[in-house]
Amino acid sequence: MTSPPGEILVPPDPVYREIQGIREALVRVDGKLDALAEHRSQIADHETRLRALEERRLPHSALSIASAAVAAVALIWQAAGH
């Protein structure tokens, strides 16, 4: 069987093998997505705990004010001769 000029004929076996390879890759990706979906509640719980920890942290401005106050008290204490 000859093909017309500019046309490429591909035998069905390599095409079938390529399609099977793509199918297997999709099955693997699907399995990974299913596993990720199963851990969604754990991820949400982790996010909730992280946000709670971040909210408990003192803001940097509060730490700066406290440090300045301690330094001022120490300077006054030293100036008073103690």
PDB file of N, CA and C in Angstrom:
ATOM      1  N   MET A   1       0.849  -1.177   0.000  1.00  0.00           N
ATOM      2  CA  MET A   1       0.000   0.000   0.000  1.00  0.00           C
ATOM      3  C   MET A   1       0.894   1.239   0.000  1.00  0.00           C
ATOM      4  N   THR A   2       0.685   2.097  -0.928  1.00  0.00           N
ATOM      5  CA  THR A   2       1.471   3.321  -1.022  1.00  0.00           C
ATOM      6  C   THR A   2       0.635   4.492  -0.546  1.00  0.00           C
ATOM      7  N   SER A   3       1.308   5.462   0.048  1.00  0.00           N
ATOM      8  CA  SER A   3       0.588   6.638   0.526  1.00  0.00           C
ATOM      9  C   SER A   3       0.824   7.803  -0.425  1.00  0.00           C
ATOM     10  N   PRO A   4      -0.151   8.683  -0.528  1.00  0.00           N
ATOM     11  CA  PRO A   4       0.015   9.853  -1.386  1.00  0.00           C
ATOM     12  C   PRO A   4       1.150  10.747  -0.858  1.00  0.00           C
ATOM     13  N   PRO A   5       1.745  11.570  -1.707  1.00  0.00           N
ATOM     14  CA  PRO A   5       2.831  12.453  -1.264  1.00  0.00           C
ATOM     15  C   PRO A   5       2.376  13.383  -0.137  1.00  0.00           C
ATOM     16  N   GLY A   6       3.246  13.572   0.895  1.00  0.00           N
ATOM     17  CA  GLY A   6       2.942  14.455   2.019  1.00  0.00           C
ATOM     18  C   GLY A   6       2.111  13.796   3.106  1.00  0.00           C
ATOM     19  N   GLU A   7       1.721  12.575   2.947  1.00  0.00           N
ATOM     20  CA  GLU A   7       0.900  11.875   3.931  1.00  0.00           C
ATOM     21  C   GLU A   7       1.765  10.842   4.638  1.00  0.00           C
ATOM     22  N   ILE A   8       1.588  10.720   5.941  1.00  0.00           N
ATOM     23  CA  ILE A   8       2.351   9.742   6.710  1.00  0.00           C
ATOM     24  C   ILE A   8       1.367   8.736   7.286  1.00  0.00           C
ATOM     25  N   LEU A   9       1.625   7.496   7.051  1.00  0.00           N
ATOM     26  CA  LEU A   9       0.786   6.437   7.610  1.00  0.00           C
ATOM     27  C   LEU A   9       1.487   5.853   8.827  1.00  0.00           C
ATOM     28  N   VAL A  10       0.765   5.765   9.925  1.00  0.00           N
ATOM     29  CA  VAL A  10       1.302   5.189  11.153  1.00  0.00           C
ATOM     30  C   VAL A  10       0.557   3.893  11.399  1.00  0.00           C
ATOM     31  N   PRO A  11       1.303   2.816  11.602  1.00  0.00           N
ATOM     32  CA  PRO A  11       0.625   1.542  11.878  1.00  0.00           C
ATOM     33  C   PRO A  11      -0.142   1.620  13.206  1.00  0.00           C
ATOM     34  N   PRO A  12      -1.218   0.860  13.330  1.00  0.00           N
ATOM     35  CA  PRO A  12      -2.054   0.957  14.529  1.00  0.00           C
ATOM     36  C   PRO A  12      -1.380   0.479  15.813  1.00  0.00           C
ATOM     37  N   ASP A  13      -0.439  -0.453  15.742  1.00  0.00           N
ATOM     38  CA  ASP A  13       0.180  -0.969  16.971  1.00  0.00           C
ATOM     39  C   ASP A  13       0.902   0.114  17.771  1.00  0.00           C
ATOM     40  N   PRO A  14       1.783   0.935  17.188  1.00  0.00           N
ATOM     41  CA  PRO A  14       2.434   1.988  17.981  1.00  0.00           C
ATOM     42  C   PRO A  14       1.438   3.011  18.535  1.00  0.00           C
ATOM     43  N   VAL A  15       0.399   3.313  17.771  1.00  0.00           N
ATOM     44  CA  VAL A  15      -0.617   4.248  18.253  1.00  0.00           C
ATOM     45  C   VAL A  15      -1.325   3.658  19.462  1.00  0.00           C
ATOM     46  N   TYR A  16      -1.669   2.383  19.383  1.00  0.00           N
ATOM     47  CA  TYR A  16      -2.344   1.710  20.495  1.00  0.00           C
ATOM     48  C   TYR A  16      -1.461   1.701  21.743  1.00  0.00           C
ATOM     49  N   ARG A  17      -0.171   1.372  21.567  1.00  0.00           N
ATOM     50  CA  ARG A  17       0.745   1.358  22.720  1.00  0.00           C
ATOM     51  C   ARG A  17       0.860   2.747  23.355  1.00  0.00           C
ATOM     52  N   GLU A  18       0.912   3.782  22.543  1.00  0.00           N
ATOM     53  CA  GLU A  18       0.994   5.154  23.062  1.00  0.00           C
ATOM     54  C   GLU A  18      -0.257   5.525  23.852  1.00  0.00           C
ATOM     55  N   ILE A  19      -1.412   5.146  23.309  1.00  0.00           N
ATOM     56  CA  ILE A  19      -2.667   5.426  24.003  1.00  0.00           C
ATOM     57  C   ILE A  19      -2.728   4.667  25.330  1.00  0.00           C
ATOM     58  N   GLN A  20      -2.263   3.429  25.331  1.00  0.00           N
ATOM     59  CA  GLN A  20      -2.233   2.645  26.576  1.00  0.00           C
ATOM     60  C   GLN A  20      -1.314   3.301  27.602  1.00  0.00           C
ATOM     61  N   GLY A  21      -0.159   3.813  27.154  1.00  0.00           N
ATOM     62  CA  GLY A  21       0.760   4.500  28.059  1.00  0.00           C
ATOM     63  C   GLY A  21       0.130   5.745  28.663  1.00  0.00           C
ATOM     64  N   ILE A  22      -0.577   6.501  27.843  1.00  0.00           N
ATOM     65  CA  ILE A  22      -1.269   7.697  28.341  1.00  0.00           C
ATOM     66  C   ILE A  22      -2.350   7.304  29.339  1.00  0.00           C
ATOM     67  N   ARG A  23      -3.065   6.230  29.041  1.00  0.00           N
ATOM     68  CA  ARG A  23      -4.114   5.754  29.957  1.00  0.00           C
ATOM     69  C   ARG A  23      -3.526   5.371  31.313  1.00  0.00           C
ATOM     70  N   GLU A  24      -2.415   4.643  31.306  1.00  0.00           N
ATOM     71  CA  GLU A  24      -1.769   4.240  32.562  1.00  0.00           C
ATOM     72  C   GLU A  24      -1.302   5.451  33.357  1.00  0.00           C
ATOM     73  N   ALA A  25      -0.769   6.460  32.666  1.00  0.00           N
ATOM     74  CA  ALA A  25      -0.330   7.680  33.352  1.00  0.00           C
ATOM     75  C   ALA A  25      -1.522   8.398  33.979  1.00  0.00           C
ATOM     76  N   LEU A  26      -2.646   8.440  33.270  1.00  0.00           N
ATOM     77  CA  LEU A  26      -3.841   9.079  33.817  1.00  0.00           C
ATOM     78  C   LEU A  26      -4.372   8.329  35.034  1.00  0.00           C
ATOM     79  N   VAL A  27      -4.292   7.007  35.000  1.00  0.00           N
ATOM     80  CA  VAL A  27      -4.725   6.206  36.158  1.00  0.00           C
ATOM     81  C   VAL A  27      -3.855   6.538  37.365  1.00  0.00           C
ATOM     82  N   ARG A  28      -2.529   6.689  37.160  1.00  0.00           N
ATOM     83  CA  ARG A  28      -1.635   7.039  38.270  1.00  0.00           C
ATOM     84  C   ARG A  28      -1.964   8.427  38.822  1.00  0.00           C
ATOM     85  N   VAL A  29      -2.186   9.384  37.937  1.00  0.00           N
ATOM     86  CA  VAL A  29      -2.519  10.743  38.380  1.00  0.00           C
ATOM     87  C   VAL A  29      -3.848  10.731  39.134  1.00  0.00           C
ATOM     88  N   ASP A  30      -4.812   9.990  38.629  1.00  0.00           N
ATOM     89  CA  ASP A  30      -6.114   9.897  39.288  1.00  0.00           C
ATOM     90  C   ASP A  30      -5.973   9.320  40.695  1.00  0.00           C
ATOM     91  N   GLY A  31      -5.134   8.306  40.830  1.00  0.00           N
ATOM     92  CA  GLY A  31      -4.900   7.713  42.148  1.00  0.00           C
ATOM     93  C   GLY A  31      -4.268   8.706  43.108  1.00  0.00           C
ATOM     94  N   LYS A  32      -3.335   9.510  42.617  1.00  0.00           N
ATOM     95  CA  LYS A  32      -2.696  10.513  43.470  1.00  0.00           C
ATOM     96  C   LYS A  32      -3.699  11.589  43.884  1.00  0.00           C
ATOM     97  N   LEU A  33      -4.563  11.994  42.973  1.00  0.00           N
ATOM     98  CA  LEU A  33      -5.582  12.991  43.314  1.00  0.00           C
ATOM     99  C   LEU A  33      -6.565  12.448  44.346  1.00  0.00           C
ATOM    100  N   ASP A  34      -6.925  11.174  44.214  1.00  0.00           N
ATOM    101  CA  ASP A  34      -7.814  10.558  45.207  1.00  0.00           C
ATOM    102  C   ASP A  34      -7.157  10.557  46.589  1.00  0.00           C
ATOM    103  N   ALA A  35      -5.870  10.225  46.643  1.00  0.00           N
ATOM    104  CA  ALA A  35      -5.157  10.213  47.922  1.00  0.00           C
ATOM    105  C   ALA A  35      -5.102  11.611  48.519  1.00  0.00           C
ATOM    106  N   LEU A  36      -4.905  12.610  47.688  1.00  0.00           N
ATOM    107  CA  LEU A  36      -4.869  13.986  48.173  1.00  0.00           C
ATOM    108  C   LEU A  36      -6.226  14.401  48.726  1.00  0.00           C
ATOM    109  N   ALA A  37      -7.291  14.004  48.063  1.00  0.00           N
ATOM    110  CA  ALA A  37      -8.634  14.343  48.525  1.00  0.00           C
ATOM    111  C   ALA A  37      -8.920  13.703  49.883  1.00  0.00           C
ATOM    112  N   GLU A  38      -8.385  12.514  50.114  1.00  0.00           N
ATOM    113  CA  GLU A  38      -8.591  11.838  51.399  1.00  0.00           C
ATOM    114  C   GLU A  38      -7.918  12.596  52.535  1.00  0.00           C
ATOM    115  N   HIS A  39      -6.858  13.323  52.235  1.00  0.00           N
ATOM    116  CA  HIS A  39      -6.123  14.057  53.272  1.00  0.00           C
ATOM    117  C   HIS A  39      -6.603  15.500  53.417  1.00  0.00           C
ATOM    118  N   ARG A  40      -7.656  15.850  52.720  1.00  0.00           N
ATOM    119  CA  ARG A  40      -8.153  17.231  52.753  1.00  0.00           C
ATOM    120  C   ARG A  40      -8.495  17.670  54.175  1.00  0.00           C
ATOM    121  N   SER A  41      -9.146  16.812  54.961  1.00  0.00           N
ATOM    122  CA  SER A  41      -9.522  17.199  56.327  1.00  0.00           C
ATOM    123  C   SER A  41      -8.283  17.388  57.193  1.00  0.00           C
ATOM    124  N   GLN A  42      -7.258  16.568  56.981  1.00  0.00           N
ATOM    125  CA  GLN A  42      -6.020  16.744  57.741  1.00  0.00           C
ATOM    126  C   GLN A  42      -5.342  18.061  57.380  1.00  0.00           C
ATOM    127  N   ILE A  43      -5.372  18.414  56.107  1.00  0.00           N
ATOM    128  CA  ILE A  43      -4.768  19.672  55.667  1.00  0.00           C
ATOM    129  C   ILE A  43      -5.540  20.850  56.262  1.00  0.00           C
ATOM    130  N   ALA A  44      -6.859  20.766  56.270  1.00  0.00           N
ATOM    131  CA  ALA A  44      -7.678  21.842  56.841  1.00  0.00           C
ATOM    132  C   ALA A  44      -7.397  21.987  58.326  1.00  0.00           C
ATOM    133  N   ASP A  45      -7.251  20.870  59.041  1.00  0.00           N
ATOM    134  CA  ASP A  45      -6.940  20.911  60.464  1.00  0.00           C
ATOM    135  C   ASP A  45      -5.576  21.552  60.687  1.00  0.00           C
ATOM    136  N   HIS A  46      -4.615  21.224  59.858  1.00  0.00           N
ATOM    137  CA  HIS A  46      -3.276  21.805  59.960  1.00  0.00           C
ATOM    138  C   HIS A  46      -3.337  23.316  59.758  1.00  0.00           C
ATOM    139  N   GLU A  47      -4.091  23.762  58.771  1.00  0.00           N
ATOM    140  CA  GLU A  47      -4.245  25.192  58.512  1.00  0.00           C
ATOM    141  C   GLU A  47      -4.877  25.891  59.714  1.00  0.00           C
ATOM    142  N   THR A  48      -5.885  25.270  60.308  1.00  0.00           N
ATOM    143  CA  THR A  48      -6.557  25.859  61.469  1.00  0.00           C
ATOM    144  C   THR A  48      -5.588  26.012  62.635  1.00  0.00           C
ATOM    145  N   ARG A  49      -4.786  24.981  62.879  1.00  0.00           N
ATOM    146  CA  ARG A  49      -3.819  25.060  63.985  1.00  0.00           C
ATOM    147  C   ARG A  49      -2.755  26.115  63.729  1.00  0.00           C
ATOM    148  N   LEU A  50      -2.292  26.232  62.479  1.00  0.00           N
ATOM    149  CA  LEU A  50      -1.291  27.257  62.159  1.00  0.00           C
ATOM    150  C   LEU A  50      -1.850  28.660  62.366  1.00  0.00           C
ATOM    151  N   ARG A  51      -3.076  28.880  61.933  1.00  0.00           N
ATOM    152  CA  ARG A  51      -3.680  30.205  62.096  1.00  0.00           C
ATOM    153  C   ARG A  51      -3.852  30.540  63.574  1.00  0.00           C
ATOM    154  N   ALA A  52      -4.224  29.562  64.393  1.00  0.00           N
ATOM    155  CA  ALA A  52      -4.365  29.800  65.835  1.00  0.00           C
ATOM    156  C   ALA A  52      -3.021  30.179  66.454  1.00  0.00           C
ATOM    157  N   LEU A  53      -1.965  29.508  66.050  1.00  0.00           N
ATOM    158  CA  LEU A  53      -0.633  29.858  66.560  1.00  0.00           C
ATOM    159  C   LEU A  53      -0.220  31.253  66.128  1.00  0.00           C
ATOM    160  N   GLU A  54      -0.511  31.620  64.900  1.00  0.00           N
ATOM    161  CA  GLU A  54      -0.152  32.949  64.410  1.00  0.00           C
ATOM    162  C   GLU A  54      -0.922  34.041  65.144  1.00  0.00           C
ATOM    163  N   GLU A  55      -2.171  33.780  65.491  1.00  0.00           N
ATOM    164  CA  GLU A  55      -2.966  34.777  66.204  1.00  0.00           C
ATOM    165  C   GLU A  55      -2.477  34.979  67.629  1.00  0.00           C
ATOM    166  N   ARG A  56      -1.899  33.953  68.242  1.00  0.00           N
ATOM    167  CA  ARG A  56      -1.410  34.063  69.620  1.00  0.00           C
ATOM    168  C   ARG A  56      -0.095  34.829  69.714  1.00  0.00           C
ATOM    169  N   ARG A  57       0.607  34.924  68.596  1.00  0.00           N
ATOM    170  CA  ARG A  57       1.890  35.616  68.585  1.00  0.00           C
ATOM    171  C   ARG A  57       1.705  37.104  68.826  1.00  0.00           C
ATOM    172  N   LEU A  58       2.599  37.694  69.629  1.00  0.00           N
ATOM    173  CA  LEU A  58       2.544  39.131  69.844  1.00  0.00           C
ATOM    174  C   LEU A  58       2.965  39.849  68.574  1.00  0.00           C
ATOM    175  N   PRO A  59       2.310  40.931  68.249  1.00  0.00           N
ATOM    176  CA  PRO A  59       2.748  41.696  67.084  1.00  0.00           C
ATOM    177  C   PRO A  59       4.102  42.345  67.340  1.00  0.00           C
ATOM    178  N   HIS A  60       4.843  42.599  66.284  1.00  0.00           N
ATOM    179  CA  HIS A  60       6.176  43.179  66.432  1.00  0.00           C
ATOM    180  C   HIS A  60       6.133  44.549  67.094  1.00  0.00           C
ATOM    181  N   SER A  61       5.102  45.333  66.851  1.00  0.00           N
ATOM    182  CA  SER A  61       5.024  46.666  67.455  1.00  0.00           C
ATOM    183  C   SER A  61       4.884  46.564  68.971  1.00  0.00           C
ATOM    184  N   ALA A  62       4.146  45.592  69.463  1.00  0.00           N
ATOM    185  CA  ALA A  62       4.002  45.418  70.912  1.00  0.00           C
ATOM    186  C   ALA A  62       5.338  45.043  71.530  1.00  0.00           C
ATOM    187  N   LEU A  63       6.105  44.204  70.847  1.00  0.00           N
ATOM    188  CA  LEU A  63       7.425  43.841  71.358  1.00  0.00           C
ATOM    189  C   LEU A  63       8.365  45.040  71.365  1.00  0.00           C
ATOM    190  N   SER A  64       8.269  45.878  70.347  1.00  0.00           N
ATOM    191  CA  SER A  64       9.114  47.069  70.285  1.00  0.00           C
ATOM    192  C   SER A  64       8.777  48.034  71.410  1.00  0.00           C
ATOM    193  N   ILE A  65       7.511  48.230  71.665  1.00  0.00           N
ATOM    194  CA  ILE A  65       7.081  49.130  72.745  1.00  0.00           C
ATOM    195  C   ILE A  65       7.546  48.591  74.091  1.00  0.00           C
ATOM    196  N   ALA A  66       7.395  47.296  74.316  1.00  0.00           N
ATOM    197  CA  ALA A  66       7.823  46.697  75.585  1.00  0.00           C
ATOM    198  C   ALA A  66       9.329  46.820  75.754  1.00  0.00           C
ATOM    199  N   SER A  67      10.087  46.603  74.695  1.00  0.00           N
ATOM    200  CA  SER A  67      11.546  46.720  74.767  1.00  0.00           C
ATOM    201  C   SER A  67      11.958  48.153  75.068  1.00  0.00           C
ATOM    202  N   ALA A  68      11.316  49.112  74.437  1.00  0.00           N
ATOM    203  CA  ALA A  68      11.634  50.522  74.680  1.00  0.00           C
ATOM    204  C   ALA A  68      11.311  50.904  76.114  1.00  0.00           C
ATOM    205  N   ALA A  69      10.206  50.405  76.643  1.00  0.00           N
ATOM    206  CA  ALA A  69       9.826  50.715  78.029  1.00  0.00           C
ATOM    207  C   ALA A  69      10.836  50.142  79.009  1.00  0.00           C
ATOM    208  N   VAL A  70      11.280  48.930  78.774  1.00  0.00           N
ATOM    209  CA  VAL A  70      12.272  48.301  79.653  1.00  0.00           C
ATOM    210  C   VAL A  70      13.582  49.076  79.588  1.00  0.00           C
ATOM    211  N   ALA A  71      13.983  49.496  78.404  1.00  0.00           N
ATOM    212  CA  ALA A  71      15.219  50.263  78.252  1.00  0.00           C
ATOM    213  C   ALA A  71      15.109  51.607  78.969  1.00  0.00           C
ATOM    214  N   ALA A  72      13.952  52.258  78.868  1.00  0.00           N
ATOM    215  CA  ALA A  72      13.760  53.549  79.543  1.00  0.00           C
ATOM    216  C   ALA A  72      13.831  53.384  81.053  1.00  0.00           C
ATOM    217  N   VAL A  73      13.197  52.346  81.563  1.00  0.00           N
ATOM    218  CA  VAL A  73      13.242  52.089  83.011  1.00  0.00           C
ATOM    219  C   VAL A  73      14.672  51.817  83.451  1.00  0.00           C
ATOM    220  N   ALA A  74      15.426  51.066  82.661  1.00  0.00           N
ATOM    221  CA  ALA A  74      16.817  50.761  83.016  1.00  0.00           C
ATOM    222  C   ALA A  74      17.656  52.033  83.009  1.00  0.00           C
ATOM    223  N   LEU A  75      17.454  52.924  82.050  1.00  0.00           N
ATOM    224  CA  LEU A  75      18.204  54.181  82.009  1.00  0.00           C
ATOM    225  C   LEU A  75      17.872  55.072  83.197  1.00  0.00           C
ATOM    226  N   ILE A  76      16.601  55.159  83.525  1.00  0.00           N
ATOM    227  CA  ILE A  76      16.192  55.965  84.689  1.00  0.00           C
ATOM    228  C   ILE A  76      16.775  55.379  85.962  1.00  0.00           C
ATOM    229  N   TRP A  77      16.762  54.072  86.057  1.00  0.00           N
ATOM    230  CA  TRP A  77      17.296  53.388  87.236  1.00  0.00           C
ATOM    231  C   TRP A  77      18.783  53.698  87.399  1.00  0.00           C
ATOM    232  N   GLN A  78      19.533  53.643  86.283  1.00  0.00           N
ATOM    233  CA  GLN A  78      20.965  53.939  86.331  1.00  0.00           C
ATOM    234  C   GLN A  78      21.211  55.410  86.592  1.00  0.00           C
ATOM    235  N   ALA A  79      20.399  56.287  86.030  1.00  0.00           N
ATOM    236  CA  ALA A  79      20.575  57.722  86.249  1.00  0.00           C
ATOM    237  C   ALA A  79      20.301  58.087  87.707  1.00  0.00           C
ATOM    238  N   ALA A  80      19.417  57.340  88.353  1.00  0.00           N
ATOM    239  CA  ALA A  80      19.106  57.593  89.751  1.00  0.00           C
ATOM    240  C   ALA A  80      20.220  57.097  90.663  1.00  0.00           C
ATOM    241  N   GLY A  81      21.211  56.402  90.097  1.00  0.00           N
ATOM    242  CA  GLY A  81      22.352  55.973  90.904  1.00  0.00           C
ATOM    243  C   GLY A  81      22.195  54.592  91.497  1.00  0.00           C
ATOM    244  N   HIS A  82      21.342  53.833  91.004  1.00  0.00           N
ATOM    245  CA  HIS A  82      21.183  52.474  91.555  1.00  0.00           C
ATOM    246  C   HIS A  82      22.003  51.483  90.783  1.00  0.00           C
TER     247      HIS A  82
END
